């Protein structure tokens, strides 16, 4: 290392000049180290983003190569499997209410409905053997998809009956419109709160009361009443779950506003 001495300056002045130069060099070195550390962080972030992008592209490629999943017959209705394993299906409109009761209701099932107009009929397949958990879950699904959600009720009165208590025969002077049925005999009421869950199992979207969905997966979101429009809510759910199409998600959402429960 060579040191230049200015003979026109004193020893102290020469030393002071080199001290100032050393301070400047030290600051530049600290700045360079800081810039290097920041660059390293940005590089690591970009590498992670690249890895995530490649993984997503790989998953998309796998999905494109897989044949479309064959849908089950009950997926045309509202549906879920209870935490006890019972299939529960409900009508989406007057036509599907009619189909569920006339075509799919059997003697060992249980039928759910509300006293409100615009309510779905839900049935528990082989429901005579169902426990309290399944009864409560089906009551909740019936309430969520009824008009109660749309008008902002936080709970609803839901009753259930046996198949033989459901009839299309109206009383004298009355007419049963499409999707409506006469209920005769004793009814048992439940009072569920209005909230629902949407989750993902093996890349397949499922929905239902939280206890039913939780029994199948830990990857799910709970939906409660709110001001977000159905379409916007579906986009948020898709982003968080990173699965399902918007149409599939919206099929599980009740009519009216909602939000993701914190």
C-alpha atoms as a PDB file:
ATOM      1  CA  UNK A   1       0.000   0.000   0.000  1.00  0.00           C
ATOM      2  CA  UNK A   2       1.435   3.361  -1.029  1.00  0.00           C
ATOM      3  CA  UNK A   3       0.776   6.519   0.940  1.00  0.00           C
ATOM      4  CA  UNK A   4       1.318   9.946  -0.577  1.00  0.00           C
ATOM      5  CA  UNK A   5       2.572  12.626   1.788  1.00  0.00           C
ATOM      6  CA  UNK A   6       1.915  16.255   0.948  1.00  0.00           C
ATOM      7  CA  UNK A   7       5.101  18.024   1.994  1.00  0.00           C
ATOM      8  CA  UNK A   8       3.265  21.337   2.081  1.00  0.00           C
ATOM      9  CA  UNK A   9       1.141  20.019   4.958  1.00  0.00           C
ATOM     10  CA  UNK A  10       2.037  19.054   8.474  1.00  0.00           C
ATOM     11  CA  UNK A  11       2.023  15.446   9.685  1.00  0.00           C
ATOM     12  CA  UNK A  12      -1.254  16.106  11.496  1.00  0.00           C
ATOM     13  CA  UNK A  13      -2.833  17.538   8.328  1.00  0.00           C
ATOM     14  CA  UNK A  14      -1.707  14.534   6.257  1.00  0.00           C
ATOM     15  CA  UNK A  15      -3.053  12.158   8.913  1.00  0.00           C
ATOM     16  CA  UNK A  16      -6.340  14.059   9.066  1.00  0.00           C
ATOM     17  CA  UNK A  17      -6.712  13.874   5.285  1.00  0.00           C
ATOM     18  CA  UNK A  18      -6.248  10.104   5.323  1.00  0.00           C
ATOM     19  CA  UNK A  19      -8.624   9.806   8.255  1.00  0.00           C
ATOM     20  CA  UNK A  20     -11.324  11.611   6.253  1.00  0.00           C
ATOM     21  CA  UNK A  21     -10.649   9.367   3.258  1.00  0.00           C
ATOM     22  CA  UNK A  22     -10.918   6.299   5.472  1.00  0.00           C
ATOM     23  CA  UNK A  23     -14.283   7.491   6.864  1.00  0.00           C
ATOM     24  CA  UNK A  24     -15.636   7.989   3.345  1.00  0.00           C
ATOM     25  CA  UNK A  25     -14.409   4.552   2.290  1.00  0.00           C
ATOM     26  CA  UNK A  26     -16.030   2.978   5.339  1.00  0.00           C
ATOM     27  CA  UNK A  27     -19.383   4.645   4.523  1.00  0.00           C
ATOM     28  CA  UNK A  28     -19.164   3.428   0.932  1.00  0.00           C
ATOM     29  CA  UNK A  29     -18.408  -0.071   2.166  1.00  0.00           C
ATOM     30  CA  UNK A  30     -21.404  -0.019   4.540  1.00  0.00           C
ATOM     31  CA  UNK A  31     -23.623   1.243   1.705  1.00  0.00           C
ATOM     32  CA  UNK A  32     -22.343  -1.483  -0.579  1.00  0.00           C
ATOM     33  CA  UNK A  33     -23.014  -4.143   2.045  1.00  0.00           C
ATOM     34  CA  UNK A  34     -26.531  -2.818   2.593  1.00  0.00           C
ATOM     35  CA  UNK A  35     -27.220  -2.726  -1.147  1.00  0.00           C
ATOM     36  CA  UNK A  36     -25.875  -6.274  -1.457  1.00  0.00           C
ATOM     37  CA  UNK A  37     -28.149  -7.489   1.354  1.00  0.00           C
ATOM     38  CA  UNK A  38     -31.206  -5.830  -0.229  1.00  0.00           C
ATOM     39  CA  UNK A  39     -30.318  -7.288  -3.615  1.00  0.00           C
ATOM     40  CA  UNK A  40     -29.962 -10.723  -2.012  1.00  0.00           C
ATOM     41  CA  UNK A  41     -33.442 -10.403  -0.430  1.00  0.00           C
ATOM     42  CA  UNK A  42     -34.982  -9.345  -3.764  1.00  0.00           C
ATOM     43  CA  UNK A  43     -33.246 -12.261  -5.486  1.00  0.00           C
ATOM     44  CA  UNK A  44     -34.572 -14.741  -2.895  1.00  0.00           C
ATOM     45  CA  UNK A  45     -38.080 -13.297  -3.282  1.00  0.00           C
ATOM     46  CA  UNK A  46     -37.901 -13.603  -7.064  1.00  0.00           C
ATOM     47  CA  UNK A  47     -36.656 -17.176  -6.755  1.00  0.00           C
ATOM     48  CA  UNK A  48     -39.587 -18.066  -4.472  1.00  0.00           C
ATOM     49  CA  UNK A  49     -42.048 -16.392  -6.853  1.00  0.00           C
ATOM     50  CA  UNK A  50     -40.502 -18.259  -9.778  1.00  0.00           C
ATOM     51  CA  UNK A  51     -40.770 -21.556  -7.893  1.00  0.00           C
ATOM     52  CA  UNK A  52     -44.408 -20.868  -6.996  1.00  0.00           C
ATOM     53  CA  UNK A  53     -45.186 -19.913 -10.601  1.00  0.00           C
ATOM     54  CA  UNK A  54     -43.583 -23.103 -11.903  1.00  0.00           C
ATOM     55  CA  UNK A  55     -45.514 -25.200  -9.364  1.00  0.00           C
ATOM     56  CA  UNK A  56     -48.801 -23.551 -10.371  1.00  0.00           C
ATOM     57  CA  UNK A  57     -48.030 -24.070 -14.043  1.00  0.00           C
ATOM     58  CA  UNK A  58     -47.219 -27.711 -13.339  1.00  0.00           C
ATOM     59  CA  UNK A  59     -50.534 -28.163 -11.520  1.00  0.00           C
ATOM     60  CA  UNK A  60     -52.395 -26.495 -14.393  1.00  0.00           C
ATOM     61  CA  UNK A  61     -50.659 -28.817 -16.846  1.00  0.00           C
ATOM     62  CA  UNK A  62     -51.622 -31.860 -14.765  1.00  0.00           C
ATOM     63  CA  UNK A  63     -55.249 -30.689 -14.628  1.00  0.00           C
ATOM     64  CA  UNK A  64     -55.300 -30.149 -18.394  1.00  0.00           C
ATOM     65  CA  UNK A  65     -54.069 -33.687 -18.921  1.00  0.00           C
ATOM     66  CA  UNK A  66     -56.612 -35.223 -16.555  1.00  0.00           C
ATOM     67  CA  UNK A  67     -60.004 -36.225 -17.991  1.00  0.00           C
ATOM     68  CA  UNK A  68     -62.969 -34.199 -16.647  1.00  0.00           C
ATOM     69  CA  UNK A  69     -64.352 -35.613 -13.403  1.00  0.00           C
ATOM     70  CA  UNK A  70     -67.675 -37.364 -13.846  1.00  0.00           C
ATOM     71  CA  UNK A  71     -70.248 -35.621 -11.681  1.00  0.00           C
ATOM     72  CA  UNK A  72     -72.478 -37.575  -9.343  1.00  0.00           C
ATOM     73  CA  UNK A  73     -76.253 -37.492  -9.761  1.00  0.00           C
ATOM     74  CA  UNK A  74     -76.761 -35.462  -6.577  1.00  0.00           C
ATOM     75  CA  UNK A  75     -74.474 -32.608  -7.690  1.00  0.00           C
ATOM     76  CA  UNK A  76     -77.318 -31.067  -9.686  1.00  0.00           C
ATOM     77  CA  UNK A  77     -78.900 -30.182  -6.316  1.00  0.00           C
ATOM     78  CA  UNK A  78     -77.621 -28.524  -3.153  1.00  0.00           C
ATOM     79  CA  UNK A  79     -75.711 -31.318  -1.441  1.00  0.00           C
ATOM     80  CA  UNK A  80     -73.245 -32.286   1.259  1.00  0.00           C
ATOM     81  CA  UNK A  81     -72.211 -35.327   3.269  1.00  0.00           C
ATOM     82  CA  UNK A  82     -72.882 -34.939   6.973  1.00  0.00           C
ATOM     83  CA  UNK A  83     -70.173 -35.405   9.603  1.00  0.00           C
ATOM     84  CA  UNK A  84     -71.740 -38.841  10.181  1.00  0.00           C
ATOM     85  CA  UNK A  85     -71.459 -39.737   6.474  1.00  0.00           C
ATOM     86  CA  UNK A  86     -75.101 -39.300   5.366  1.00  0.00           C
ATOM     87  CA  UNK A  87     -75.852 -37.826   1.937  1.00  0.00           C
ATOM     88  CA  UNK A  88     -78.060 -34.725   2.244  1.00  0.00           C
ATOM     89  CA  UNK A  89     -79.611 -33.112  -0.850  1.00  0.00           C
ATOM     90  CA  UNK A  90     -81.790 -30.030  -1.277  1.00  0.00           C
ATOM     91  CA  UNK A  91     -83.702 -28.254  -4.001  1.00  0.00           C
ATOM     92  CA  UNK A  92     -82.367 -25.176  -5.751  1.00  0.00           C
ATOM     93  CA  UNK A  93     -85.726 -24.051  -7.101  1.00  0.00           C
ATOM     94  CA  UNK A  94     -89.334 -25.190  -7.474  1.00  0.00           C
ATOM     95  CA  UNK A  95     -88.438 -27.706 -10.204  1.00  0.00           C
ATOM     96  CA  UNK A  96     -85.645 -29.387  -8.244  1.00  0.00           C
ATOM     97  CA  UNK A  97     -87.810 -29.393  -5.080  1.00  0.00           C
ATOM     98  CA  UNK A  98     -90.392 -31.318  -7.094  1.00  0.00           C
ATOM     99  CA  UNK A  99     -87.772 -33.765  -8.414  1.00  0.00           C
ATOM    100  CA  UNK A 100     -86.243 -34.396  -4.990  1.00  0.00           C
ATOM    101  CA  UNK A 101     -89.567 -35.256  -3.348  1.00  0.00           C
ATOM    102  CA  UNK A 102     -91.140 -37.154  -6.239  1.00  0.00           C
ATOM    103  CA  UNK A 103     -88.076 -39.013  -7.554  1.00  0.00           C
ATOM    104  CA  UNK A 104     -85.532 -39.304  -4.772  1.00  0.00           C
ATOM    105  CA  UNK A 105     -87.518 -39.456  -1.530  1.00  0.00           C
ATOM    106  CA  UNK A 106     -87.631 -42.977  -0.051  1.00  0.00           C
ATOM    107  CA  UNK A 107     -89.264 -44.460   3.025  1.00  0.00           C
ATOM    108  CA  UNK A 108     -86.059 -44.460   5.122  1.00  0.00           C
ATOM    109  CA  UNK A 109     -85.286 -40.780   4.456  1.00  0.00           C
ATOM    110  CA  UNK A 110     -86.032 -37.680   6.537  1.00  0.00           C
ATOM    111  CA  UNK A 111     -87.511 -34.490   5.009  1.00  0.00           C
ATOM    112  CA  UNK A 112     -86.616 -30.915   6.060  1.00  0.00           C
ATOM    113  CA  UNK A 113     -88.347 -27.623   5.245  1.00  0.00           C
ATOM    114  CA  UNK A 114     -89.146 -24.218   6.765  1.00  0.00           C
ATOM    115  CA  UNK A 115     -92.432 -22.376   7.187  1.00  0.00           C
ATOM    116  CA  UNK A 116     -91.172 -19.606   4.883  1.00  0.00           C
ATOM    117  CA  UNK A 117     -92.033 -19.359   1.209  1.00  0.00           C
ATOM    118  CA  UNK A 118     -88.978 -19.874  -0.985  1.00  0.00           C
ATOM    119  CA  UNK A 119     -87.470 -22.626   1.126  1.00  0.00           C
ATOM    120  CA  UNK A 120     -85.782 -25.720  -0.275  1.00  0.00           C
ATOM    121  CA  UNK A 121     -86.824 -29.222   0.638  1.00  0.00           C
ATOM    122  CA  UNK A 122     -83.813 -31.106   1.989  1.00  0.00           C
ATOM    123  CA  UNK A 123     -83.727 -34.838   2.545  1.00  0.00           C
ATOM    124  CA  UNK A 124     -81.288 -37.028   4.438  1.00  0.00           C
ATOM    125  CA  UNK A 125     -80.856 -40.268   2.527  1.00  0.00           C
ATOM    126  CA  UNK A 126     -81.434 -43.183   4.933  1.00  0.00           C
ATOM    127  CA  UNK A 127     -82.011 -40.482   7.518  1.00  0.00           C
ATOM    128  CA  UNK A 128     -83.966 -42.707   9.898  1.00  0.00           C
ATOM    129  CA  UNK A 129     -80.565 -43.912  11.153  1.00  0.00           C
ATOM    130  CA  UNK A 130     -79.027 -40.412  11.367  1.00  0.00           C
ATOM    131  CA  UNK A 131     -77.824 -38.975  14.661  1.00  0.00           C
ATOM    132  CA  UNK A 132     -78.384 -35.528  16.110  1.00  0.00           C
ATOM    133  CA  UNK A 133     -75.309 -34.085  14.358  1.00  0.00           C
ATOM    134  CA  UNK A 134     -76.729 -34.896  10.912  1.00  0.00           C
ATOM    135  CA  UNK A 135     -80.170 -33.559  11.857  1.00  0.00           C
ATOM    136  CA  UNK A 136     -78.652 -30.266  13.035  1.00  0.00           C
ATOM    137  CA  UNK A 137     -76.442 -29.966   9.938  1.00  0.00           C
ATOM    138  CA  UNK A 138     -79.311 -30.593   7.536  1.00  0.00           C
ATOM    139  CA  UNK A 139     -81.472 -28.068   9.355  1.00  0.00           C
ATOM    140  CA  UNK A 140     -78.676 -25.533   8.964  1.00  0.00           C
ATOM    141  CA  UNK A 141     -78.343 -26.214   5.234  1.00  0.00           C
ATOM    142  CA  UNK A 142     -82.107 -25.856   4.804  1.00  0.00           C
ATOM    143  CA  UNK A 143     -82.052 -22.504   6.616  1.00  0.00           C
ATOM    144  CA  UNK A 144     -79.039 -21.169   4.715  1.00  0.00           C
ATOM    145  CA  UNK A 145     -80.593 -21.857   1.312  1.00  0.00           C
ATOM    146  CA  UNK A 146     -83.993 -20.535   2.357  1.00  0.00           C
ATOM    147  CA  UNK A 147     -85.228 -16.962   2.031  1.00  0.00           C
ATOM    148  CA  UNK A 148     -84.048 -16.365   5.616  1.00  0.00           C
ATOM    149  CA  UNK A 149     -80.464 -15.754   4.437  1.00  0.00           C
ATOM    150  CA  UNK A 150     -81.469 -13.296   1.744  1.00  0.00           C
ATOM    151  CA  UNK A 151     -83.575 -11.158   4.088  1.00  0.00           C
ATOM    152  CA  UNK A 152     -80.878 -11.093   6.750  1.00  0.00           C
ATOM    153  CA  UNK A 153     -82.121 -13.445   9.466  1.00  0.00           C
ATOM    154  CA  UNK A 154     -79.376 -14.828  11.696  1.00  0.00           C
ATOM    155  CA  UNK A 155     -81.386 -17.957  12.557  1.00  0.00           C
ATOM    156  CA  UNK A 156     -84.425 -19.786  11.223  1.00  0.00           C
ATOM    157  CA  UNK A 157     -87.071 -22.291  12.300  1.00  0.00           C
ATOM    158  CA  UNK A 158     -86.629 -25.553  10.400  1.00  0.00           C
ATOM    159  CA  UNK A 159     -88.766 -28.656  10.838  1.00  0.00           C
ATOM    160  CA  UNK A 160     -88.372 -32.251   9.765  1.00  0.00           C
ATOM    161  CA  UNK A 161     -90.889 -35.041   9.099  1.00  0.00           C
ATOM    162  CA  UNK A 162     -91.101 -38.575   7.769  1.00  0.00           C
ATOM    163  CA  UNK A 163     -91.640 -39.230   4.036  1.00  0.00           C
ATOM    164  CA  UNK A 164     -95.215 -40.437   4.522  1.00  0.00           C
ATOM    165  CA  UNK A 165     -96.139 -37.026   5.952  1.00  0.00           C
ATOM    166  CA  UNK A 166     -95.327 -35.281   2.657  1.00  0.00           C
ATOM    167  CA  UNK A 167     -98.075 -35.210   0.053  1.00  0.00           C
ATOM    168  CA  UNK A 168     -99.022 -33.432  -3.149  1.00  0.00           C
ATOM    169  CA  UNK A 169    -102.709 -33.721  -2.244  1.00  0.00           C
ATOM    170  CA  UNK A 170    -104.016 -30.312  -1.268  1.00  0.00           C
ATOM    171  CA  UNK A 171    -106.953 -29.685   1.030  1.00  0.00           C
ATOM    172  CA  UNK A 172    -110.323 -28.905  -0.516  1.00  0.00           C
ATOM    173  CA  UNK A 173    -110.275 -25.557  -2.269  1.00  0.00           C
ATOM    174  CA  UNK A 174    -106.474 -25.323  -2.275  1.00  0.00           C
ATOM    175  CA  UNK A 175    -103.979 -25.743  -5.097  1.00  0.00           C
ATOM    176  CA  UNK A 176    -100.382 -26.928  -4.679  1.00  0.00           C
ATOM    177  CA  UNK A 177     -98.037 -24.941  -6.900  1.00  0.00           C
ATOM    178  CA  UNK A 178     -94.945 -26.517  -8.429  1.00  0.00           C
ATOM    179  CA  UNK A 179     -92.335 -27.338  -5.803  1.00  0.00           C
ATOM    180  CA  UNK A 180     -94.809 -27.158  -2.916  1.00  0.00           C
ATOM    181  CA  UNK A 181     -96.113 -30.054  -0.851  1.00  0.00           C
ATOM    182  CA  UNK A 182     -98.595 -30.547   1.954  1.00  0.00           C
ATOM    183  CA  UNK A 183     -97.139 -31.574   5.334  1.00  0.00           C
ATOM    184  CA  UNK A 184     -99.441 -33.517   7.631  1.00  0.00           C
ATOM    185  CA  UNK A 185     -98.913 -34.735  11.184  1.00  0.00           C
ATOM    186  CA  UNK A 186     -96.330 -33.972  13.848  1.00  0.00           C
ATOM    187  CA  UNK A 187     -93.324 -31.805  12.975  1.00  0.00           C
ATOM    188  CA  UNK A 188     -90.081 -31.490  14.945  1.00  0.00           C
ATOM    189  CA  UNK A 189     -88.436 -28.058  14.916  1.00  0.00           C
ATOM    190  CA  UNK A 190     -84.766 -27.097  15.076  1.00  0.00           C
ATOM    191  CA  UNK A 191     -83.339 -23.564  15.230  1.00  0.00           C
ATOM    192  CA  UNK A 192     -79.980 -23.427  13.414  1.00  0.00           C
ATOM    193  CA  UNK A 193     -77.791 -20.344  12.975  1.00  0.00           C
ATOM    194  CA  UNK A 194     -77.145 -19.178   9.439  1.00  0.00           C
ATOM    195  CA  UNK A 195     -73.571 -19.842   8.312  1.00  0.00           C
ATOM    196  CA  UNK A 196     -71.967 -22.191   5.829  1.00  0.00           C
ATOM    197  CA  UNK A 197     -68.539 -23.547   4.905  1.00  0.00           C
ATOM    198  CA  UNK A 198     -66.747 -24.182   1.623  1.00  0.00           C
ATOM    199  CA  UNK A 199     -63.652 -26.362   1.491  1.00  0.00           C
ATOM    200  CA  UNK A 200     -61.412 -28.398  -0.757  1.00  0.00           C
ATOM    201  CA  UNK A 201     -60.789 -32.164  -0.689  1.00  0.00           C
ATOM    202  CA  UNK A 202     -58.440 -33.743  -3.260  1.00  0.00           C
ATOM    203  CA  UNK A 203     -58.858 -30.708  -5.535  1.00  0.00           C
ATOM    204  CA  UNK A 204     -62.645 -31.063  -5.353  1.00  0.00           C
ATOM    205  CA  UNK A 205     -64.802 -28.323  -3.904  1.00  0.00           C
ATOM    206  CA  UNK A 206     -67.248 -29.249  -1.139  1.00  0.00           C
ATOM    207  CA  UNK A 207     -69.726 -27.218   0.878  1.00  0.00           C
ATOM    208  CA  UNK A 208     -71.939 -27.658   3.899  1.00  0.00           C
ATOM    209  CA  UNK A 209     -72.293 -26.769   7.574  1.00  0.00           C
ATOM    210  CA  UNK A 210     -68.885 -26.206   9.165  1.00  0.00           C
ATOM    211  CA  UNK A 211     -68.998 -29.389  11.254  1.00  0.00           C
ATOM    212  CA  UNK A 212     -69.705 -31.457   8.123  1.00  0.00           C
ATOM    213  CA  UNK A 213     -66.942 -29.842   6.061  1.00  0.00           C
ATOM    214  CA  UNK A 214     -64.470 -29.926   8.964  1.00  0.00           C
ATOM    215  CA  UNK A 215     -64.952 -33.687   9.196  1.00  0.00           C
ATOM    216  CA  UNK A 216     -63.581 -33.999   5.640  1.00  0.00           C
ATOM    217  CA  UNK A 217     -60.857 -31.334   5.473  1.00  0.00           C
ATOM    218  CA  UNK A 218     -58.964 -28.669   7.401  1.00  0.00           C
ATOM    219  CA  UNK A 219     -58.839 -26.464   4.311  1.00  0.00           C
ATOM    220  CA  UNK A 220     -62.096 -24.521   4.362  1.00  0.00           C
ATOM    221  CA  UNK A 221     -63.660 -21.089   4.834  1.00  0.00           C
ATOM    222  CA  UNK A 222     -66.792 -20.209   6.813  1.00  0.00           C
ATOM    223  CA  UNK A 223     -69.286 -17.894   5.115  1.00  0.00           C
ATOM    224  CA  UNK A 224     -71.675 -15.671   7.080  1.00  0.00           C
ATOM    225  CA  UNK A 225     -74.143 -12.986   6.094  1.00  0.00           C
ATOM    226  CA  UNK A 226     -72.608  -9.779   4.793  1.00  0.00           C
ATOM    227  CA  UNK A 227     -72.720  -7.064   2.153  1.00  0.00           C
ATOM    228  CA  UNK A 228     -70.425  -8.581  -0.463  1.00  0.00           C
ATOM    229  CA  UNK A 229     -72.126  -9.574  -3.707  1.00  0.00           C
ATOM    230  CA  UNK A 230     -72.126 -13.271  -4.546  1.00  0.00           C
ATOM    231  CA  UNK A 231     -69.752 -12.873  -7.507  1.00  0.00           C
ATOM    232  CA  UNK A 232     -67.157 -10.845  -5.588  1.00  0.00           C
ATOM    233  CA  UNK A 233     -67.348 -13.223  -2.643  1.00  0.00           C
ATOM    234  CA  UNK A 234     -66.767 -16.180  -4.968  1.00  0.00           C
ATOM    235  CA  UNK A 235     -63.603 -14.504  -6.323  1.00  0.00           C
ATOM    236  CA  UNK A 236     -62.221 -14.075  -2.792  1.00  0.00           C
ATOM    237  CA  UNK A 237     -62.999 -17.691  -1.923  1.00  0.00           C
ATOM    238  CA  UNK A 238     -61.293 -18.903  -5.100  1.00  0.00           C
ATOM    239  CA  UNK A 239     -58.203 -16.798  -4.296  1.00  0.00           C
ATOM    240  CA  UNK A 240     -57.960 -18.080  -0.724  1.00  0.00           C
ATOM    241  CA  UNK A 241     -58.658 -21.745  -1.483  1.00  0.00           C
ATOM    242  CA  UNK A 242     -56.760 -21.678  -4.786  1.00  0.00           C
ATOM    243  CA  UNK A 243     -59.201 -24.220  -6.164  1.00  0.00           C
ATOM    244  CA  UNK A 244     -62.526 -24.552  -7.943  1.00  0.00           C
ATOM    245  CA  UNK A 245     -64.124 -22.447 -10.658  1.00  0.00           C
ATOM    246  CA  UNK A 246     -66.247 -19.394  -9.921  1.00  0.00           C
ATOM    247  CA  UNK A 247     -69.346 -21.268 -11.130  1.00  0.00           C
ATOM    248  CA  UNK A 248     -68.648 -24.171  -8.750  1.00  0.00           C
ATOM    249  CA  UNK A 249     -68.121 -21.825  -5.816  1.00  0.00           C
ATOM    250  CA  UNK A 250     -71.243 -19.791  -6.555  1.00  0.00           C
ATOM    251  CA  UNK A 251     -73.280 -23.011  -6.680  1.00  0.00           C
ATOM    252  CA  UNK A 252     -72.459 -23.549  -2.995  1.00  0.00           C
ATOM    253  CA  UNK A 253     -73.218 -19.957  -1.954  1.00  0.00           C
ATOM    254  CA  UNK A 254     -76.718 -18.966  -0.784  1.00  0.00           C
ATOM    255  CA  UNK A 255     -78.688 -16.219  -2.507  1.00  0.00           C
ATOM    256  CA  UNK A 256     -77.908 -12.782  -1.121  1.00  0.00           C
ATOM    257  CA  UNK A 257     -74.869 -11.057   0.340  1.00  0.00           C
ATOM    258  CA  UNK A 258     -72.202 -12.706   2.410  1.00  0.00           C
ATOM    259  CA  UNK A 259     -68.650 -12.461   3.694  1.00  0.00           C
ATOM    260  CA  UNK A 260     -65.825 -14.694   4.881  1.00  0.00           C
ATOM    261  CA  UNK A 261     -65.918 -15.145   8.647  1.00  0.00           C
ATOM    262  CA  UNK A 262     -62.759 -13.847  10.350  1.00  0.00           C
END
